[in-house]
Amino acid sequence: MPTYISLVNLTEQVIKDFKNSPERLHSFEDEAKEVGGRLVGFYLVLGQYDYVVITEAPDDQTAARLILGTIAQGSVRTQTMRAFPREEFEQIARGL
């Protein structure tokens, strides 16, 4: 299943209500499961971004709907990248 890494910045809306962030994370995890994906990893980070979120989804369209649905709530802004694990990297490299 494809993997996606999201670099997340919180909006002012969430920062004011930060104590409820664990519930929002559980909601995101449930939404990912509903569409056939899963939350692989979650990290609170220091620096330019607030969180790093690693998810899996059945395909790019499903991942986009999941991420756009989250952004539409107004709580975060993200930069999401499709990640290729080592095995896929090696297949791609061998195909050149």
N, C-alpha and C. Protein backbone atom coordinates (compact mmCIF):
# COMPACT_ATOMS: atom_id res chain seq x y z
N MET A 1 0.86 -1.17 0.00
CA MET A 1 0.00 0.00 0.00
C MET A 1 0.91 1.23 0.00
N PRO A 2 0.61 2.25 -0.82
CA PRO A 2 1.43 3.45 -0.88
C PRO A 2 1.51 4.18 0.47
N THR A 3 2.66 4.78 0.70
CA THR A 3 2.93 5.51 1.93
C THR A 3 3.03 7.00 1.62
N TYR A 4 2.54 7.82 2.54
CA TYR A 4 2.54 9.28 2.38
C TYR A 4 3.09 9.91 3.65
N ILE A 5 3.97 10.87 3.47
CA ILE A 5 4.54 11.61 4.60
C ILE A 5 4.02 13.04 4.50
N SER A 6 3.37 13.48 5.57
CA SER A 6 2.82 14.84 5.61
C SER A 6 3.57 15.67 6.64
N LEU A 7 4.01 16.84 6.21
CA LEU A 7 4.60 17.83 7.10
C LEU A 7 3.49 18.81 7.42
N VAL A 8 3.17 18.95 8.69
CA VAL A 8 1.94 19.63 9.11
C VAL A 8 2.24 20.88 9.93
N ASN A 9 1.54 21.95 9.59
CA ASN A 9 1.53 23.17 10.40
C ASN A 9 0.13 23.38 10.93
N LEU A 10 0.04 23.70 12.21
CA LEU A 10 -1.25 23.97 12.84
C LEU A 10 -1.71 25.37 12.51
N THR A 11 -3.01 25.56 12.42
CA THR A 11 -3.57 26.89 12.23
C THR A 11 -3.85 27.50 13.61
N GLU A 12 -4.11 28.79 13.63
CA GLU A 12 -4.43 29.48 14.88
C GLU A 12 -5.63 28.84 15.57
N GLN A 13 -6.58 28.38 14.75
CA GLN A 13 -7.79 27.74 15.27
C GLN A 13 -7.44 26.57 16.19
N VAL A 14 -6.50 25.74 15.79
CA VAL A 14 -6.13 24.57 16.59
C VAL A 14 -5.22 24.94 17.75
N ILE A 15 -4.35 25.87 17.53
CA ILE A 15 -3.43 26.27 18.59
C ILE A 15 -4.22 26.77 19.81
N LYS A 16 -5.31 27.47 19.57
CA LYS A 16 -6.13 27.97 20.67
C LYS A 16 -6.82 26.83 21.42
N ASP A 17 -7.02 25.71 20.77
CA ASP A 17 -7.72 24.57 21.35
C ASP A 17 -6.82 23.32 21.31
N PHE A 18 -5.54 23.52 21.57
CA PHE A 18 -4.55 22.46 21.41
C PHE A 18 -4.84 21.24 22.27
N LYS A 19 -5.42 21.44 23.43
CA LYS A 19 -5.66 20.32 24.34
C LYS A 19 -6.57 19.24 23.73
N ASN A 20 -7.34 19.60 22.71
CA ASN A 20 -8.21 18.62 22.05
C ASN A 20 -7.54 17.94 20.85
N SER A 21 -6.27 18.23 20.64
CA SER A 21 -5.56 17.64 19.50
C SER A 21 -5.53 16.12 19.52
N PRO A 22 -5.38 15.46 20.68
CA PRO A 22 -5.41 13.99 20.65
C PRO A 22 -6.71 13.43 20.09
N GLU A 23 -7.83 14.07 20.40
CA GLU A 23 -9.11 13.60 19.85
C GLU A 23 -9.15 13.78 18.33
N ARG A 24 -8.60 14.90 17.84
CA ARG A 24 -8.56 15.11 16.38
C ARG A 24 -7.69 14.05 15.71
N LEU A 25 -6.59 13.69 16.37
CA LEU A 25 -5.73 12.65 15.81
C LEU A 25 -6.45 11.31 15.76
N HIS A 26 -7.20 10.98 16.81
CA HIS A 26 -7.98 9.73 16.81
C HIS A 26 -9.03 9.75 15.70
N SER A 27 -9.65 10.91 15.47
CA SER A 27 -10.63 11.03 14.38
C SER A 27 -9.97 10.79 13.03
N PHE A 28 -8.78 11.39 12.83
CA PHE A 28 -8.06 11.19 11.58
C PHE A 28 -7.73 9.71 11.39
N GLU A 29 -7.30 9.06 12.46
CA GLU A 29 -6.97 7.65 12.38
C GLU A 29 -8.19 6.82 11.99
N ASP A 30 -9.35 7.14 12.58
CA ASP A 30 -10.59 6.45 12.23
C ASP A 30 -10.97 6.69 10.78
N GLU A 31 -10.82 7.93 10.31
CA GLU A 31 -11.14 8.26 8.91
C GLU A 31 -10.23 7.49 7.96
N ALA A 32 -8.96 7.38 8.31
CA ALA A 32 -8.03 6.63 7.46
C ALA A 32 -8.46 5.17 7.37
N LYS A 33 -8.85 4.59 8.49
CA LYS A 33 -9.31 3.19 8.49
C LYS A 33 -10.56 3.01 7.64
N GLU A 34 -11.47 3.98 7.71
CA GLU A 34 -12.72 3.90 6.95
C GLU A 34 -12.49 3.85 5.45
N VAL A 35 -11.41 4.48 4.97
CA VAL A 35 -11.14 4.49 3.53
C VAL A 35 -10.13 3.42 3.13
N GLY A 36 -9.82 2.51 4.06
CA GLY A 36 -8.91 1.42 3.75
C GLY A 36 -7.45 1.72 3.98
N GLY A 37 -7.15 2.81 4.67
CA GLY A 37 -5.77 3.16 4.95
C GLY A 37 -5.44 2.96 6.41
N ARG A 38 -4.32 3.53 6.83
CA ARG A 38 -3.97 3.47 8.24
C ARG A 38 -2.95 4.55 8.59
N LEU A 39 -3.00 4.96 9.83
CA LEU A 39 -2.02 5.89 10.38
C LEU A 39 -0.82 5.05 10.80
N VAL A 40 0.31 5.27 10.16
CA VAL A 40 1.51 4.49 10.42
C VAL A 40 2.33 5.12 11.54
N GLY A 41 2.44 6.44 11.50
CA GLY A 41 3.24 7.14 12.50
C GLY A 41 2.80 8.56 12.67
N PHE A 42 3.01 9.08 13.87
CA PHE A 42 2.68 10.46 14.18
C PHE A 42 3.76 10.99 15.12
N TYR A 43 4.28 12.18 14.80
CA TYR A 43 5.32 12.79 15.62
C TYR A 43 5.05 14.28 15.81
N LEU A 44 5.10 14.72 17.04
CA LEU A 44 5.16 16.15 17.35
C LEU A 44 6.62 16.51 17.16
N VAL A 45 6.91 17.54 16.37
CA VAL A 45 8.30 17.88 16.07
C VAL A 45 8.58 19.35 16.39
N LEU A 46 9.83 19.64 16.57
CA LEU A 46 10.28 21.01 16.80
C LEU A 46 10.87 21.53 15.50
N GLY A 47 10.69 22.81 15.25
CA GLY A 47 11.26 23.39 14.04
C GLY A 47 10.19 24.01 13.17
N GLN A 48 10.39 23.94 11.87
CA GLN A 48 9.51 24.59 10.90
C GLN A 48 8.10 24.01 10.89
N TYR A 49 7.96 22.73 11.20
CA TYR A 49 6.66 22.07 11.18
C TYR A 49 6.26 21.68 12.59
N ASP A 50 4.97 21.43 12.79
CA ASP A 50 4.47 21.05 14.10
C ASP A 50 4.35 19.53 14.25
N TYR A 51 3.95 18.85 13.18
CA TYR A 51 3.79 17.40 13.20
C TYR A 51 4.38 16.81 11.93
N VAL A 52 4.77 15.55 12.03
CA VAL A 52 5.04 14.71 10.87
C VAL A 52 4.08 13.53 10.99
N VAL A 53 3.31 13.30 9.94
CA VAL A 53 2.31 12.24 9.94
C VAL A 53 2.62 11.29 8.78
N ILE A 54 2.66 10.01 9.08
CA ILE A 54 2.92 9.00 8.06
C ILE A 54 1.67 8.13 7.94
N THR A 55 1.13 8.08 6.74
CA THR A 55 -0.08 7.30 6.51
C THR A 55 0.11 6.36 5.32
N GLU A 56 -0.75 5.39 5.25
CA GLU A 56 -0.85 4.52 4.08
C GLU A 56 -2.28 4.64 3.58
N ALA A 57 -2.43 4.58 2.27
CA ALA A 57 -3.75 4.60 1.64
C ALA A 57 -3.71 3.70 0.42
N PRO A 58 -4.87 3.19 0.02
CA PRO A 58 -4.90 2.27 -1.13
C PRO A 58 -4.36 2.86 -2.43
N ASP A 59 -4.52 4.18 -2.61
CA ASP A 59 -4.06 4.82 -3.84
C ASP A 59 -3.97 6.33 -3.62
N ASP A 60 -3.41 7.03 -4.61
CA ASP A 60 -3.21 8.48 -4.50
C ASP A 60 -4.52 9.24 -4.35
N GLN A 61 -5.56 8.81 -5.05
CA GLN A 61 -6.84 9.49 -4.98
C GLN A 61 -7.44 9.41 -3.56
N THR A 62 -7.34 8.24 -2.96
CA THR A 62 -7.85 8.06 -1.59
C THR A 62 -7.05 8.91 -0.62
N ALA A 63 -5.74 8.92 -0.78
CA ALA A 63 -4.89 9.74 0.09
C ALA A 63 -5.24 11.21 -0.06
N ALA A 64 -5.44 11.66 -1.28
CA ALA A 64 -5.78 13.07 -1.53
C ALA A 64 -7.11 13.43 -0.87
N ARG A 65 -8.11 12.56 -0.98
CA ARG A 65 -9.40 12.84 -0.34
C ARG A 65 -9.27 12.91 1.17
N LEU A 66 -8.49 12.01 1.75
CA LEU A 66 -8.28 11.99 3.20
C LEU A 66 -7.58 13.27 3.65
N ILE A 67 -6.55 13.66 2.95
CA ILE A 67 -5.78 14.85 3.33
C ILE A 67 -6.60 16.12 3.08
N LEU A 68 -7.25 16.21 1.94
CA LEU A 68 -8.06 17.39 1.64
C LEU A 68 -9.23 17.53 2.61
N GLY A 69 -9.80 16.41 3.02
CA GLY A 69 -10.87 16.44 4.01
C GLY A 69 -10.38 17.01 5.34
N THR A 70 -9.17 16.67 5.69
CA THR A 70 -8.58 17.19 6.93
C THR A 70 -8.29 18.67 6.80
N ILE A 71 -7.71 19.08 5.70
CA ILE A 71 -7.39 20.49 5.47
C ILE A 71 -8.67 21.33 5.46
N ALA A 72 -9.73 20.80 4.88
CA ALA A 72 -10.99 21.54 4.76
C ALA A 72 -11.58 21.90 6.12
N GLN A 73 -11.20 21.19 7.17
CA GLN A 73 -11.69 21.50 8.51
C GLN A 73 -11.05 22.76 9.07
N GLY A 74 -9.99 23.24 8.42
CA GLY A 74 -9.35 24.48 8.83
C GLY A 74 -8.37 24.35 9.98
N SER A 75 -8.00 23.13 10.32
CA SER A 75 -7.14 22.95 11.49
C SER A 75 -5.65 22.87 11.15
N VAL A 76 -5.34 22.48 9.93
CA VAL A 76 -3.93 22.31 9.56
C VAL A 76 -3.69 22.73 8.11
N ARG A 77 -2.41 22.94 7.83
CA ARG A 77 -1.91 23.10 6.47
C ARG A 77 -0.83 22.03 6.31
N THR A 78 -0.80 21.39 5.15
CA THR A 78 0.14 20.29 4.99
C THR A 78 0.94 20.39 3.71
N GLN A 79 2.06 19.72 3.72
CA GLN A 79 2.82 19.39 2.52
C GLN A 79 2.94 17.87 2.57
N THR A 80 2.38 17.22 1.58
CA THR A 80 2.37 15.76 1.59
C THR A 80 3.17 15.22 0.42
N MET A 81 3.95 14.21 0.71
CA MET A 81 4.81 13.58 -0.28
C MET A 81 4.51 12.10 -0.36
N ARG A 82 4.51 11.57 -1.55
CA ARG A 82 4.41 10.11 -1.74
C ARG A 82 5.78 9.56 -1.44
N ALA A 83 5.86 8.55 -0.59
CA ALA A 83 7.14 7.96 -0.20
C ALA A 83 7.26 6.56 -0.78
N PHE A 84 8.43 6.26 -1.32
CA PHE A 84 8.69 4.95 -1.90
C PHE A 84 9.65 4.20 -0.97
N PRO A 85 9.25 3.04 -0.46
CA PRO A 85 10.16 2.28 0.41
C PRO A 85 11.34 1.74 -0.39
N ARG A 86 12.30 1.23 0.33
CA ARG A 86 13.55 0.78 -0.27
C ARG A 86 13.31 -0.20 -1.43
N GLU A 87 12.41 -1.16 -1.25
CA GLU A 87 12.17 -2.16 -2.29
C GLU A 87 11.69 -1.49 -3.59
N GLU A 88 10.77 -0.55 -3.47
CA GLU A 88 10.28 0.15 -4.66
C GLU A 88 11.37 1.01 -5.26
N PHE A 89 12.17 1.66 -4.42
CA PHE A 89 13.29 2.45 -4.90
C PHE A 89 14.23 1.59 -5.74
N GLU A 90 14.54 0.41 -5.24
CA GLU A 90 15.46 -0.46 -5.96
C GLU A 90 14.86 -0.91 -7.29
N GLN A 91 13.57 -1.20 -7.32
CA GLN A 91 12.92 -1.57 -8.59
C GLN A 91 12.97 -0.42 -9.58
N ILE A 92 12.69 0.78 -9.10
CA ILE A 92 12.73 1.96 -9.98
C ILE A 92 14.14 2.15 -10.54
N ALA A 93 15.14 2.06 -9.65
CA ALA A 93 16.52 2.28 -10.07
C ALA A 93 16.97 1.23 -11.09
N ARG A 94 16.56 -0.02 -10.87
CA ARG A 94 16.94 -1.09 -11.80
C ARG A 94 16.29 -0.92 -13.17
N GLY A 95 15.13 -0.24 -13.19
CA GLY A 95 14.42 -0.06 -14.45
C GLY A 95 14.97 1.07 -15.32
N LEU A 96 15.95 1.77 -14.85
CA LEU A 96 16.52 2.87 -15.65
C LEU A 96 17.45 2.36 -16.73
